[in-house]
Amino acid sequence: MIDQIKRLGPDDTARAESAIRAFKATSRSPDSLKAFLRSPANYLLVADAGGETVGFLIAYRLERSDREAAQMLIYEVGVVSAWRRRGLASALLGEIVALARAEGMFEVFVLTSKGNDAACRLYTRTGGRIEDDSAVLFVYPLGLEGAA
């Protein structure tokens, strides 16, 4: 059973570093991570069970020039293998949707590959709908791979 899902803030820098390292094997410097957590546009949710981080979600509040309300971009969701297919990713998505709703945002969106069947099933099961199945993602690499 999940103990809690929590949005981490600037006072949770050590906790955030531990969670990020558990999933990504690397992290930002503590000062940089604290600045990330201080920004109200950045969301790092972690799910704990038995004192361990078993899931996380990163999302970003996007302000629009054409609307008063913002929107939420879910950037990444991760769950440790032992906790997959037990509703944890759905709970993390439910939490970020609830936060976006409470903050008056007009929508939450996420991008994934058509070939990522697990993600497509998750997003469909949790109420997401395909808005444009012809979308193409373009990336402009800046040659800063080491900066990650």
C-alpha atoms as a PDB file:
ATOM      1  CA  MET A   1       0.000   0.000   0.000  1.00  0.00           C
ATOM      2  CA  ILE A   2       1.207   3.505  -0.810  1.00  0.00           C
ATOM      3  CA  ASP A   3       2.045   5.605   2.248  1.00  0.00           C
ATOM      4  CA  GLN A   4       1.780   8.937   0.441  1.00  0.00           C
ATOM      5  CA  ILE A   5       2.093  10.868  -2.784  1.00  0.00           C
ATOM      6  CA  LYS A   6       3.700  14.243  -2.176  1.00  0.00           C
ATOM      7  CA  ARG A   7       4.695  17.231  -4.267  1.00  0.00           C
ATOM      8  CA  LEU A   8       8.244  18.075  -3.234  1.00  0.00           C
ATOM      9  CA  GLY A   9       9.271  21.672  -2.579  1.00  0.00           C
ATOM     10  CA  PRO A  10      12.523  23.528  -1.879  1.00  0.00           C
ATOM     11  CA  ASP A  11      12.681  22.161   1.677  1.00  0.00           C
ATOM     12  CA  ASP A  12      12.717  18.636   0.216  1.00  0.00           C
ATOM     13  CA  THR A  13      15.949  18.937  -1.792  1.00  0.00           C
ATOM     14  CA  ALA A  14      17.679  15.919  -0.219  1.00  0.00           C
ATOM     15  CA  ARG A  15      14.516  13.842  -0.642  1.00  0.00           C
ATOM     16  CA  ALA A  16      14.211  14.932  -4.284  1.00  0.00           C
ATOM     17  CA  GLU A  17      17.849  14.117  -4.994  1.00  0.00           C
ATOM     18  CA  SER A  18      17.406  10.633  -3.537  1.00  0.00           C
ATOM     19  CA  ALA A  19      14.239  10.010  -5.548  1.00  0.00           C
ATOM     20  CA  ILE A  20      15.745  11.267  -8.801  1.00  0.00           C
ATOM     21  CA  ARG A  21      18.900   9.195  -8.328  1.00  0.00           C
ATOM     22  CA  ALA A  22      16.758   6.108  -7.674  1.00  0.00           C
ATOM     23  CA  PHE A  23      15.075   6.473 -11.064  1.00  0.00           C
ATOM     24  CA  LYS A  24      17.638   8.302 -13.193  1.00  0.00           C
ATOM     25  CA  ALA A  25      20.987   7.248 -11.603  1.00  0.00           C
ATOM     26  CA  THR A  26      22.019  10.920 -11.585  1.00  0.00           C
ATOM     27  CA  SER A  27      20.736  14.242 -10.286  1.00  0.00           C
ATOM     28  CA  ARG A  28      21.356  17.970 -10.414  1.00  0.00           C
ATOM     29  CA  SER A  29      23.531  19.790  -7.920  1.00  0.00           C
ATOM     30  CA  PRO A  30      21.708  20.494  -4.641  1.00  0.00           C
ATOM     31  CA  ASP A  31      21.543  24.259  -5.358  1.00  0.00           C
ATOM     32  CA  SER A  32      20.243  23.689  -8.880  1.00  0.00           C
ATOM     33  CA  LEU A  33      17.721  21.141  -7.646  1.00  0.00           C
ATOM     34  CA  LYS A  34      16.540  23.541  -4.932  1.00  0.00           C
ATOM     35  CA  ALA A  35      15.994  26.230  -7.588  1.00  0.00           C
ATOM     36  CA  PHE A  36      14.028  23.707  -9.668  1.00  0.00           C
ATOM     37  CA  LEU A  37      11.817  22.842  -6.697  1.00  0.00           C
ATOM     38  CA  ARG A  38      11.350  26.514  -5.774  1.00  0.00           C
ATOM     39  CA  SER A  39       9.748  27.331  -9.116  1.00  0.00           C
ATOM     40  CA  PRO A  40       5.946  27.131  -8.934  1.00  0.00           C
ATOM     41  CA  ALA A  41       5.976  25.964 -12.577  1.00  0.00           C
ATOM     42  CA  ASN A  42       7.845  22.739 -11.766  1.00  0.00           C
ATOM     43  CA  TYR A  43       6.151  19.729 -10.205  1.00  0.00           C
ATOM     44  CA  LEU A  44       7.960  16.711  -8.792  1.00  0.00           C
ATOM     45  CA  LEU A  45       5.604  14.204  -7.194  1.00  0.00           C
ATOM     46  CA  VAL A  46       6.959  11.174  -5.371  1.00  0.00           C
ATOM     47  CA  ALA A  47       5.115   8.119  -4.116  1.00  0.00           C
ATOM     48  CA  ASP A  48       6.407   6.340  -1.024  1.00  0.00           C
ATOM     49  CA  ALA A  49       5.704   2.876   0.319  1.00  0.00           C
ATOM     50  CA  GLY A  50       7.442   1.407   3.332  1.00  0.00           C
ATOM     51  CA  GLY A  51       9.950   4.248   3.463  1.00  0.00           C
ATOM     52  CA  GLU A  52      11.023   3.814  -0.162  1.00  0.00           C
ATOM     53  CA  THR A  53      10.291   5.916  -3.217  1.00  0.00           C
ATOM     54  CA  VAL A  54       8.378   3.650  -5.570  1.00  0.00           C
ATOM     55  CA  GLY A  55       7.125   6.161  -8.132  1.00  0.00           C
ATOM     56  CA  PHE A  56       7.527   9.695  -9.407  1.00  0.00           C
ATOM     57  CA  LEU A  57       5.969  12.163 -11.816  1.00  0.00           C
ATOM     58  CA  ILE A  58       7.489  15.308 -13.292  1.00  0.00           C
ATOM     59  CA  ALA A  59       5.206  17.958 -14.777  1.00  0.00           C
ATOM     60  CA  TYR A  60       5.361  21.606 -15.773  1.00  0.00           C
ATOM     61  CA  ARG A  61       2.844  24.434 -15.559  1.00  0.00           C
ATOM     62  CA  LEU A  62       2.716  26.207 -18.905  1.00  0.00           C
ATOM     63  CA  GLU A  63       1.433  29.754 -19.067  1.00  0.00           C
ATOM     64  CA  ARG A  64      -0.281  30.711 -22.310  1.00  0.00           C
ATOM     65  CA  SER A  65      -0.287  34.064 -24.081  1.00  0.00           C
ATOM     66  CA  ASP A  66      -3.782  33.443 -25.441  1.00  0.00           C
ATOM     67  CA  ARG A  67      -5.548  32.265 -22.275  1.00  0.00           C
ATOM     68  CA  GLU A  68      -5.861  33.342 -18.693  1.00  0.00           C
ATOM     69  CA  ALA A  69      -5.654  29.765 -17.463  1.00  0.00           C
ATOM     70  CA  ALA A  70      -2.476  27.697 -17.620  1.00  0.00           C
ATOM     71  CA  GLN A  71      -2.117  24.091 -18.702  1.00  0.00           C
ATOM     72  CA  MET A  72      -0.086  21.227 -17.240  1.00  0.00           C
ATOM     73  CA  LEU A  73       2.414  19.167 -19.236  1.00  0.00           C
ATOM     74  CA  ILE A  74       3.160  15.758 -17.764  1.00  0.00           C
ATOM     75  CA  TYR A  75       6.759  15.150 -18.754  1.00  0.00           C
ATOM     76  CA  GLU A  76       7.550  11.807 -17.188  1.00  0.00           C
ATOM     77  CA  VAL A  77       6.029   9.095 -15.011  1.00  0.00           C
ATOM     78  CA  GLY A  78       8.088   6.297 -13.478  1.00  0.00           C
ATOM     79  CA  VAL A  79       7.252   3.345 -11.236  1.00  0.00           C
ATOM     80  CA  VAL A  80       9.655   0.723  -9.883  1.00  0.00           C
ATOM     81  CA  SER A  81       9.054  -2.673 -11.474  1.00  0.00           C
ATOM     82  CA  ALA A  82       7.693  -4.299  -8.293  1.00  0.00           C
ATOM     83  CA  TRP A  83       4.937  -1.661  -8.144  1.00  0.00           C
ATOM     84  CA  ARG A  84       3.878  -1.694 -11.791  1.00  0.00           C
ATOM     85  CA  ARG A  85       0.339  -2.744 -12.694  1.00  0.00           C
ATOM     86  CA  ARG A  86      -0.864  -1.983  -9.164  1.00  0.00           C
ATOM     87  CA  GLY A  87      -2.469   1.422  -9.801  1.00  0.00           C
ATOM     88  CA  LEU A  88       0.456   3.600  -8.739  1.00  0.00           C
ATOM     89  CA  ALA A  89       0.922   5.385 -12.077  1.00  0.00           C
ATOM     90  CA  SER A  90      -2.838   5.989 -12.140  1.00  0.00           C
ATOM     91  CA  ALA A  91      -2.650   7.454  -8.624  1.00  0.00           C
ATOM     92  CA  LEU A  92       0.213   9.768  -9.631  1.00  0.00           C
ATOM     93  CA  LEU A  93      -1.756  10.939 -12.671  1.00  0.00           C
ATOM     94  CA  GLY A  94      -4.841  11.460 -10.519  1.00  0.00           C
ATOM     95  CA  GLU A  95      -2.811  13.594  -8.128  1.00  0.00           C
ATOM     96  CA  ILE A  96      -1.366  15.855 -10.830  1.00  0.00           C
ATOM     97  CA  VAL A  97      -4.806  16.253 -12.444  1.00  0.00           C
ATOM     98  CA  ALA A  98      -6.240  17.202  -9.033  1.00  0.00           C
ATOM     99  CA  LEU A  99      -3.450  19.756  -8.479  1.00  0.00           C
ATOM    100  CA  ALA A 100      -4.024  21.260 -11.933  1.00  0.00           C
ATOM    101  CA  ARG A 101      -7.767  21.463 -11.314  1.00  0.00           C
ATOM    102  CA  ALA A 102      -7.257  23.063  -7.875  1.00  0.00           C
ATOM    103  CA  GLU A 103      -4.951  25.658  -9.456  1.00  0.00           C
ATOM    104  CA  GLY A 104      -7.541  26.551 -12.127  1.00  0.00           C
ATOM    105  CA  MET A 105      -5.725  25.125 -15.145  1.00  0.00           C
ATOM    106  CA  PHE A 106      -7.775  24.365 -18.231  1.00  0.00           C
ATOM    107  CA  GLU A 107      -6.132  21.055 -19.207  1.00  0.00           C
ATOM    108  CA  VAL A 108      -3.444  18.505 -18.509  1.00  0.00           C
ATOM    109  CA  PHE A 109      -1.636  16.866 -21.408  1.00  0.00           C
ATOM    110  CA  VAL A 110       1.061  14.283 -22.031  1.00  0.00           C
ATOM    111  CA  LEU A 111       2.958  13.135 -25.111  1.00  0.00           C
ATOM    112  CA  THR A 112       3.950   9.552 -25.807  1.00  0.00           C
ATOM    113  CA  SER A 113       4.887   7.340 -28.706  1.00  0.00           C
ATOM    114  CA  LYS A 114       2.144   5.422 -30.521  1.00  0.00           C
ATOM    115  CA  GLY A 115       4.299   2.342 -29.981  1.00  0.00           C
ATOM    116  CA  ASN A 116       4.353   2.732 -26.195  1.00  0.00           C
ATOM    117  CA  ASP A 117       1.383   0.460 -25.579  1.00  0.00           C
ATOM    118  CA  ALA A 118       1.665   0.513 -21.784  1.00  0.00           C
ATOM    119  CA  ALA A 119       1.633   4.315 -21.672  1.00  0.00           C
ATOM    120  CA  CYS A 120      -1.242   4.542 -24.158  1.00  0.00           C
ATOM    121  CA  ARG A 121      -3.303   2.102 -22.067  1.00  0.00           C
ATOM    122  CA  LEU A 122      -2.481   4.025 -18.883  1.00  0.00           C
ATOM    123  CA  TYR A 123      -3.452   7.414 -20.302  1.00  0.00           C
ATOM    124  CA  THR A 124      -6.646   6.036 -21.845  1.00  0.00           C
ATOM    125  CA  ARG A 125      -7.610   4.193 -18.648  1.00  0.00           C
ATOM    126  CA  THR A 126      -7.116   7.351 -16.563  1.00  0.00           C
ATOM    127  CA  GLY A 127      -9.350   9.534 -18.744  1.00  0.00           C
ATOM    128  CA  GLY A 128      -6.931  10.889 -21.330  1.00  0.00           C
ATOM    129  CA  ARG A 129      -8.094  11.115 -24.909  1.00  0.00           C
ATOM    130  CA  ILE A 130      -6.133  11.343 -28.131  1.00  0.00           C
ATOM    131  CA  GLU A 131      -6.516  14.858 -29.473  1.00  0.00           C
ATOM    132  CA  ASP A 132      -4.338  14.528 -32.577  1.00  0.00           C
ATOM    133  CA  ASP A 133      -3.053  11.142 -33.686  1.00  0.00           C
ATOM    134  CA  SER A 134      -1.004  12.667 -36.487  1.00  0.00           C
ATOM    135  CA  ALA A 135       1.244  14.797 -34.258  1.00  0.00           C
ATOM    136  CA  VAL A 136       4.991  14.577 -34.825  1.00  0.00           C
ATOM    137  CA  LEU A 137       7.613  15.492 -32.235  1.00  0.00           C
ATOM    138  CA  PHE A 138      10.617  17.506 -33.444  1.00  0.00           C
ATOM    139  CA  VAL A 139      13.701  17.959 -31.242  1.00  0.00           C
ATOM    140  CA  TYR A 140      16.488  20.488 -31.720  1.00  0.00           C
ATOM    141  CA  PRO A 141      19.617  18.964 -30.128  1.00  0.00           C
ATOM    142  CA  LEU A 142      21.927  21.641 -28.769  1.00  0.00           C
ATOM    143  CA  GLY A 143      24.980  19.481 -28.191  1.00  0.00           C
ATOM    144  CA  LEU A 144      24.774  19.822 -24.404  1.00  0.00           C
ATOM    145  CA  GLU A 145      24.309  16.154 -23.505  1.00  0.00           C
ATOM    146  CA  GLY A 146      26.699  16.485 -20.558  1.00  0.00           C
ATOM    147  CA  ALA A 147      24.541  19.268 -19.101  1.00  0.00           C
ATOM    148  CA  ALA A 148      21.761  16.814 -18.292  1.00  0.00           C
END
